[in-house]
């Protein structure tokens, strides 16, 4: 199999099509196994990294006359126009993921977010390969749902799940939950911007699925044990008192959670971040903004208030009565382990082809 080459280094560029044709895309079990390895190494200190984000002002985008008349279409949705760089290392590899994102891209028939991953040998930090990371990125984010469900959702009866979102991350959430947690889920309801989007989302599921997936109803929010938000909403997407008192929520989007809900969880429940420092530094999600709007810093105040960090040794904490709110900004180490597993599978597959 012939790959194109990038950066004048002899390093192959592995497009999504190249990986697919080689049979090197990770199946769901392989992706979740890579994420399990990542979390074990993160908590032991073997894998570490950081993230930098350059957010661009929406007013600059809408100033362009070619798109200005489309602004009203995004009244309820953030553009999320940003350039991000996630970098990390583990025992063998280094990795950098570059992300370009703008919700307007969908109007052009493009993904909202496009990722490119550079995988390097750790000692020399020479490039080994460059790969299309768009699909990899969405699927690693979906894996958060299985970890949170395993850690915090009740086991004495079937769990009712409500998922806000119909994009690639929402698809990955369904895929991961269906693979690892199907026996524990009673119903999975989908809430989208319109019923048509929800029905299209459900109809497009083309992976093995044992879940009872239905469009959300008016009662779904109050009746759900586990609520997952994977949206780009500009404002909160549910009322603060609409969730069951002991519901678990996982937030994969931005500022989409009402202040009153966060105040209740801070007072009576458990607040968790995948990484307090990174969530605080990014300052784009509801829990970080809850403090920064008051002139406080999440990473400074959080430990004093008993907020938990999933990267710490021994995490996650034991579940107790009351609500649980988990915010995940997306750790660069997860991308590194997903890219490593993909590259190594590609090498095995192409070596077999050559034989």
Protein backbone atom coordinates (compact mmCIF):
# COMPACT_ATOMS: atom_id res chain seq x y z
CA UNK A 1 0.00 0.00 0.00
CA UNK A 2 1.41 3.37 -1.00
CA UNK A 3 1.05 6.35 1.35
CA UNK A 4 1.81 9.94 0.51
CA UNK A 5 4.68 11.65 2.35
CA UNK A 6 4.79 14.86 4.33
CA UNK A 7 7.22 17.42 5.73
CA UNK A 8 10.15 16.16 3.61
CA UNK A 9 10.97 13.75 6.45
CA UNK A 10 9.93 10.51 4.80
CA UNK A 11 7.10 10.32 7.32
CA UNK A 12 3.91 8.95 5.77
CA UNK A 13 0.71 10.97 5.82
CA UNK A 14 -2.08 8.58 6.77
CA UNK A 15 -5.38 9.91 5.53
CA UNK A 16 -8.68 8.54 6.78
CA UNK A 17 -9.03 6.69 3.47
CA UNK A 18 -5.53 5.19 3.78
CA UNK A 19 -6.27 3.93 7.29
CA UNK A 20 -9.63 2.56 6.22
CA UNK A 21 -8.24 0.80 3.15
CA UNK A 22 -5.50 -0.77 5.27
CA UNK A 23 -8.01 -2.00 7.84
CA UNK A 24 -6.14 0.08 10.40
CA UNK A 25 -9.01 2.06 11.91
CA UNK A 26 -9.52 1.05 15.52
CA UNK A 27 -12.71 -0.82 16.25
CA UNK A 28 -14.65 0.27 19.32
CA UNK A 29 -13.06 -2.29 21.60
CA UNK A 30 -9.57 -1.31 20.46
CA UNK A 31 -10.29 2.39 20.98
CA UNK A 32 -11.64 1.82 24.49
CA UNK A 33 -8.66 -0.38 25.35
CA UNK A 34 -6.32 2.41 24.19
CA UNK A 35 -8.22 4.86 26.40
CA UNK A 36 -7.98 2.50 29.38
CA UNK A 37 -4.21 2.34 28.86
CA UNK A 38 -4.05 6.12 28.59
CA UNK A 39 -5.89 6.71 31.86
CA UNK A 40 -3.72 4.18 33.71
CA UNK A 41 -0.55 5.92 32.47
CA UNK A 42 -1.94 9.42 33.13
CA UNK A 43 -2.70 8.55 36.74
CA UNK A 44 0.70 6.94 37.25
CA UNK A 45 2.53 9.96 35.78
CA UNK A 46 3.87 8.10 32.74
CA UNK A 47 1.84 10.17 30.27
CA UNK A 48 1.43 13.93 30.50
CA UNK A 49 0.80 16.92 28.29
CA UNK A 50 -0.94 20.24 27.87
CA UNK A 51 -3.21 22.22 25.60
CA UNK A 52 -3.17 25.68 24.01
CA UNK A 53 -6.19 27.31 22.41
CA UNK A 54 -6.45 30.46 20.30
CA UNK A 55 -10.09 31.56 20.20
CA UNK A 56 -10.97 33.97 17.42
CA UNK A 57 -13.62 36.71 17.86
CA UNK A 58 -16.91 35.93 16.15
CA UNK A 59 -17.42 39.57 15.20
CA UNK A 60 -14.38 39.32 12.91
CA UNK A 61 -15.92 36.40 11.09
CA UNK A 62 -19.33 38.03 10.60
CA UNK A 63 -17.68 41.20 9.34
CA UNK A 64 -16.97 39.37 6.08
CA UNK A 65 -19.67 40.38 3.60
CA UNK A 66 -19.67 36.93 2.03
CA UNK A 67 -21.09 35.38 5.21
CA UNK A 68 -22.65 38.30 7.09
CA UNK A 69 -26.20 37.48 5.98
CA UNK A 70 -25.95 34.03 7.58
CA UNK A 71 -25.33 35.33 11.11
CA UNK A 72 -28.95 34.88 12.27
CA UNK A 73 -28.69 31.16 11.58
CA UNK A 74 -26.22 30.95 14.48
CA UNK A 75 -28.24 32.89 17.03
CA UNK A 76 -28.41 29.81 19.30
CA UNK A 77 -25.06 28.24 18.42
CA UNK A 78 -21.49 29.35 19.06
CA UNK A 79 -19.16 29.33 16.09
CA UNK A 80 -16.46 27.87 18.32
CA UNK A 81 -13.96 29.47 15.91
CA UNK A 82 -10.60 28.43 17.30
CA UNK A 83 -7.19 26.99 16.61
CA UNK A 84 -6.04 24.44 19.20
CA UNK A 85 -2.83 22.56 19.84
CA UNK A 86 -2.70 19.53 22.16
CA UNK A 87 0.70 18.03 22.94
CA UNK A 88 1.76 15.10 25.10
CA UNK A 89 4.28 12.29 25.63
CA UNK A 90 4.29 8.78 27.05
CA UNK A 91 7.00 6.13 27.41
CA UNK A 92 7.51 5.66 23.68
CA UNK A 93 5.92 8.47 21.71
CA UNK A 94 5.28 12.17 21.57
CA UNK A 95 2.26 13.63 19.85
CA UNK A 96 0.77 16.92 18.75
CA UNK A 97 -2.82 17.36 17.63
CA UNK A 98 -3.73 20.48 15.67
CA UNK A 99 -7.42 21.38 15.50
CA UNK A 100 -9.15 23.95 13.35
CA UNK A 101 -12.82 24.49 14.21
CA UNK A 102 -15.71 26.66 13.10
CA UNK A 103 -19.38 25.68 13.21
CA UNK A 104 -19.89 27.56 9.93
CA UNK A 105 -17.87 24.84 8.19
CA UNK A 106 -20.99 22.69 8.12
CA UNK A 107 -22.60 25.24 5.80
CA UNK A 108 -19.77 24.42 3.38
CA UNK A 109 -20.28 20.66 3.64
CA UNK A 110 -17.22 20.32 5.89
CA UNK A 111 -16.80 18.94 9.42
CA UNK A 112 -17.15 21.58 12.14
CA UNK A 113 -13.75 20.50 13.47
CA UNK A 114 -10.77 19.02 11.62
CA UNK A 115 -7.82 17.45 13.44
CA UNK A 116 -4.33 16.51 12.29
CA UNK A 117 -2.11 14.39 14.54
CA UNK A 118 1.68 14.36 14.38
CA UNK A 119 3.15 11.23 16.01
CA UNK A 120 6.82 11.34 17.03
CA UNK A 121 9.44 9.02 18.47
CA UNK A 122 9.93 10.21 22.06
CA UNK A 123 13.73 10.29 22.43
CA UNK A 124 14.51 12.24 19.26
CA UNK A 125 11.07 13.82 18.80
CA UNK A 126 11.42 13.11 15.10
CA UNK A 127 8.19 12.76 13.17
CA UNK A 128 7.10 9.16 12.54
CA UNK A 129 3.83 9.87 10.83
CA UNK A 130 1.19 12.53 10.27
CA UNK A 131 -2.40 11.33 10.26
CA UNK A 132 -5.93 12.57 9.81
CA UNK A 133 -7.18 12.74 13.39
CA UNK A 134 -10.73 14.03 12.87
CA UNK A 135 -12.48 10.72 13.38
CA UNK A 136 -9.98 9.62 16.03
CA UNK A 137 -10.64 12.81 18.01
CA UNK A 138 -14.43 12.38 18.08
CA UNK A 139 -14.20 8.73 19.09
CA UNK A 140 -11.76 9.34 21.95
CA UNK A 141 -14.15 12.02 23.26
CA UNK A 142 -17.03 9.56 23.12
CA UNK A 143 -15.10 7.23 25.41
CA UNK A 144 -15.59 9.66 28.31
CA UNK A 145 -19.21 8.49 28.51
CA UNK A 146 -18.23 4.91 29.33
CA UNK A 147 -15.74 5.98 32.01
CA UNK A 148 -18.25 8.28 33.70
CA UNK A 149 -21.01 5.70 33.56
CA UNK A 150 -18.74 3.03 35.04
CA UNK A 151 -17.63 5.35 37.82
CA UNK A 152 -20.78 7.18 38.84
CA UNK A 153 -24.01 5.66 37.50
CA UNK A 154 -26.03 3.32 39.67
CA UNK A 155 -25.90 -0.44 39.16
CA UNK A 156 -29.04 -1.56 40.99
CA UNK A 157 -31.34 -0.95 38.00
CA UNK A 158 -31.15 -0.05 34.29
CA UNK A 159 -29.81 3.44 33.63
CA UNK A 160 -31.87 5.88 31.57
CA UNK A 161 -29.61 8.06 29.40
CA UNK A 162 -30.35 11.37 27.68
CA UNK A 163 -27.87 12.62 25.07
CA UNK A 164 -27.97 16.21 23.81
CA UNK A 165 -26.35 16.38 20.37
CA UNK A 166 -26.42 14.76 16.94
CA UNK A 167 -22.87 15.38 15.70
CA UNK A 168 -19.77 13.17 15.46
CA UNK A 169 -19.09 13.29 19.20
CA UNK A 170 -22.67 12.25 19.97
CA UNK A 171 -22.30 9.38 17.52
CA UNK A 172 -19.11 8.30 19.29
CA UNK A 173 -20.87 8.44 22.66
CA UNK A 174 -23.57 6.07 21.38
CA UNK A 175 -20.97 3.77 19.85
CA UNK A 176 -18.92 3.54 23.05
CA UNK A 177 -21.91 3.15 25.38
CA UNK A 178 -23.37 0.50 23.11
CA UNK A 179 -20.16 -1.50 23.13
CA UNK A 180 -19.31 -1.38 26.84
CA UNK A 181 -22.49 -0.48 28.74
CA UNK A 182 -25.45 -1.78 26.70
CA UNK A 183 -26.44 -4.31 29.37
CA UNK A 184 -26.78 -1.52 31.94
CA UNK A 185 -28.79 0.95 29.84
CA UNK A 186 -32.58 0.79 29.77
CA UNK A 187 -33.19 3.55 27.23
CA UNK A 188 -31.08 6.13 25.40
CA UNK A 189 -32.98 9.25 24.35
CA UNK A 190 -31.56 11.72 21.82
CA UNK A 191 -32.28 15.46 21.95
CA UNK A 192 -31.26 17.59 18.96
CA UNK A 193 -31.98 20.96 17.43
CA UNK A 194 -34.90 19.43 15.55
CA UNK A 195 -36.75 16.13 15.43
CA UNK A 196 -35.58 15.71 11.84
CA UNK A 197 -31.92 15.84 12.92
CA UNK A 198 -32.62 13.32 15.66
CA UNK A 199 -34.34 10.90 13.30
CA UNK A 200 -31.53 11.26 10.75
CA UNK A 201 -28.99 10.63 13.50
CA UNK A 202 -30.71 7.44 14.65
CA UNK A 203 -31.24 6.24 11.09
CA UNK A 204 -27.55 6.77 10.23
CA UNK A 205 -26.25 4.43 12.95
CA UNK A 206 -24.31 1.79 11.04
CA UNK A 207 -22.29 0.10 13.80
CA UNK A 208 -23.38 -2.87 15.94
CA UNK A 209 -25.94 -1.54 18.37
CA UNK A 210 -27.90 -3.17 21.19
CA UNK A 211 -29.33 0.01 22.66
CA UNK A 212 -32.95 1.12 22.73
CA UNK A 213 -32.46 4.53 21.07
CA UNK A 214 -35.41 6.90 20.81
CA UNK A 215 -36.05 10.60 20.23
CA UNK A 216 -36.29 12.51 23.51
CA UNK A 217 -39.69 13.34 24.95
CA UNK A 218 -40.77 16.17 27.23
CA UNK A 219 -40.30 13.96 30.27
CA UNK A 220 -36.89 12.57 29.26
CA UNK A 221 -34.78 15.12 31.15
CA UNK A 222 -36.54 14.65 34.49
CA UNK A 223 -36.58 10.87 34.13
CA UNK A 224 -32.95 10.36 33.06
CA UNK A 225 -30.23 9.05 35.36
CA UNK A 226 -27.35 10.06 33.08
CA UNK A 227 -27.38 13.23 30.98
CA UNK A 228 -24.66 13.88 28.39
CA UNK A 229 -24.25 17.20 26.59
CA UNK A 230 -22.31 17.22 23.31
CA UNK A 231 -23.48 20.46 21.74
CA UNK A 232 -22.19 23.83 20.62
CA UNK A 233 -25.07 25.72 22.21
CA UNK A 234 -24.65 29.39 23.01
CA UNK A 235 -26.83 29.28 26.13
CA UNK A 236 -27.83 26.64 28.73
CA UNK A 237 -29.82 23.81 27.21
CA UNK A 238 -31.85 22.83 30.24
CA UNK A 239 -33.34 24.48 33.30
CA UNK A 240 -31.39 24.23 36.54
CA UNK A 241 -34.13 22.35 38.39
CA UNK A 242 -35.11 20.06 35.51
CA UNK A 243 -32.76 17.17 36.31
CA UNK A 244 -33.48 14.43 38.80
CA UNK A 245 -31.95 15.22 42.18
CA UNK A 246 -29.28 12.49 41.99
CA UNK A 247 -28.68 12.49 38.22
CA UNK A 248 -25.18 12.22 36.77
CA UNK A 249 -24.26 14.74 34.06
CA UNK A 250 -21.33 14.72 31.66
CA UNK A 251 -20.51 17.92 29.77
CA UNK A 252 -18.47 17.69 26.58
CA UNK A 253 -19.45 21.05 25.10
CA UNK A 254 -19.03 24.64 26.26
CA UNK A 255 -21.14 26.97 28.36
CA UNK A 256 -24.33 24.94 28.17
CA UNK A 257 -25.08 24.27 31.86
CA UNK A 258 -27.15 26.69 33.97
CA UNK A 259 -25.61 28.42 36.98
CA UNK A 260 -28.39 27.23 39.29
CA UNK A 261 -27.59 23.60 38.51
CA UNK A 262 -23.87 24.08 39.17
CA UNK A 263 -24.64 25.82 42.47
CA UNK A 264 -26.82 22.89 43.53
CA UNK A 265 -24.17 20.31 42.68
CA UNK A 266 -21.44 22.33 44.40
CA UNK A 267 -23.63 22.51 47.50
CA UNK A 268 -25.07 19.00 47.64
CA UNK A 269 -23.16 16.73 45.27
CA UNK A 270 -19.90 15.95 43.52
CA UNK A 271 -18.17 18.09 40.86
CA UNK A 272 -15.48 16.42 38.73
CA UNK A 273 -13.19 17.59 35.91
CA UNK A 274 -11.01 15.46 33.67
CA UNK A 275 -8.21 17.90 34.56
CA UNK A 276 -8.87 20.89 36.81
CA UNK A 277 -5.92 22.91 35.54
CA UNK A 278 -6.76 22.42 31.88
CA UNK A 279 -10.48 23.11 32.32
CA UNK A 280 -9.61 26.23 34.32
CA UNK A 281 -7.05 27.47 31.79
CA UNK A 282 -9.40 26.86 28.85
CA UNK A 283 -12.16 28.80 30.67
CA UNK A 284 -14.79 27.99 28.05
CA UNK A 285 -17.00 25.52 29.91
CA UNK A 286 -19.70 26.28 32.43
CA UNK A 287 -17.87 25.16 35.57
CA UNK A 288 -14.76 27.25 34.83
CA UNK A 289 -16.86 30.25 33.81
CA UNK A 290 -18.92 29.91 37.00
CA UNK A 291 -15.79 30.89 38.96
CA UNK A 292 -14.04 33.23 36.50
CA UNK A 293 -17.17 35.41 36.26
CA UNK A 294 -16.72 35.96 40.00
CA UNK A 295 -13.04 36.81 39.68
CA UNK A 296 -11.97 33.36 40.90
CA UNK A 297 -9.90 30.59 39.33
CA UNK A 298 -11.22 27.03 39.13
CA UNK A 299 -7.81 25.44 39.64
CA UNK A 300 -7.23 27.49 42.80
CA UNK A 301 -10.71 27.32 44.34
CA UNK A 302 -11.66 23.82 43.14
CA UNK A 303 -9.47 21.78 45.51
CA UNK A 304 -10.64 23.89 48.46
CA UNK A 305 -14.26 23.08 47.60
CA UNK A 306 -13.61 19.37 47.15
CA UNK A 307 -13.74 19.27 43.35
CA UNK A 308 -12.17 16.12 41.93
CA UNK A 309 -9.64 15.66 39.15
CA UNK A 310 -9.77 12.48 37.06
CA UNK A 311 -6.04 12.62 36.33
CA UNK A 312 -5.11 12.13 39.99
CA UNK A 313 -3.93 8.78 41.32
CA UNK A 314 -6.84 6.70 42.53
CA UNK A 315 -9.43 8.69 40.54
CA UNK A 316 -12.35 8.62 40.07
CA UNK A 317 -13.79 9.09 43.57
CA UNK A 318 -16.43 6.80 45.00
CA UNK A 319 -20.02 7.69 44.13
CA UNK A 320 -22.22 8.96 46.93
CA UNK A 321 -25.77 10.23 47.20
CA UNK A 322 -26.57 13.45 45.43
CA UNK A 323 -25.96 14.86 41.95
CA UNK A 324 -22.70 14.36 40.05
CA UNK A 325 -21.47 16.86 37.44
CA UNK A 326 -18.48 15.88 35.28
CA UNK A 327 -16.82 18.35 32.89
CA UNK A 328 -14.31 17.11 30.30
CA UNK A 329 -12.24 19.41 28.12
CA UNK A 330 -10.40 16.61 26.24
CA UNK A 331 -6.93 15.53 27.33
CA UNK A 332 -4.09 15.45 24.77
CA UNK A 333 -2.81 12.16 26.17
CA UNK A 334 -5.98 10.43 24.98
CA UNK A 335 -5.26 11.53 21.42
CA UNK A 336 -1.70 10.28 21.74
CA UNK A 337 -2.76 6.79 22.80
CA UNK A 338 -5.45 6.61 20.11
CA UNK A 339 -2.92 7.71 17.46
CA UNK A 340 -0.30 5.27 18.77
CA UNK A 341 -2.73 2.34 18.63
CA UNK A 342 -3.86 3.36 15.14
CA UNK A 343 -0.31 3.70 13.81
CA UNK A 344 0.80 0.39 15.29
CA UNK A 345 -2.25 -1.34 13.81
CA UNK A 346 -1.46 0.26 10.45
CA UNK A 347 2.12 -1.08 10.64
CA UNK A 348 0.86 -4.58 11.44
CA UNK A 349 -1.68 -4.50 8.64
CA UNK A 350 0.66 -3.18 5.97
CA UNK A 351 3.39 -5.63 7.02
CA UNK A 352 0.90 -8.43 6.50
CA UNK A 353 -0.04 -6.98 3.10
CA UNK A 354 3.63 -6.89 2.07
CA UNK A 355 4.10 -10.54 3.03
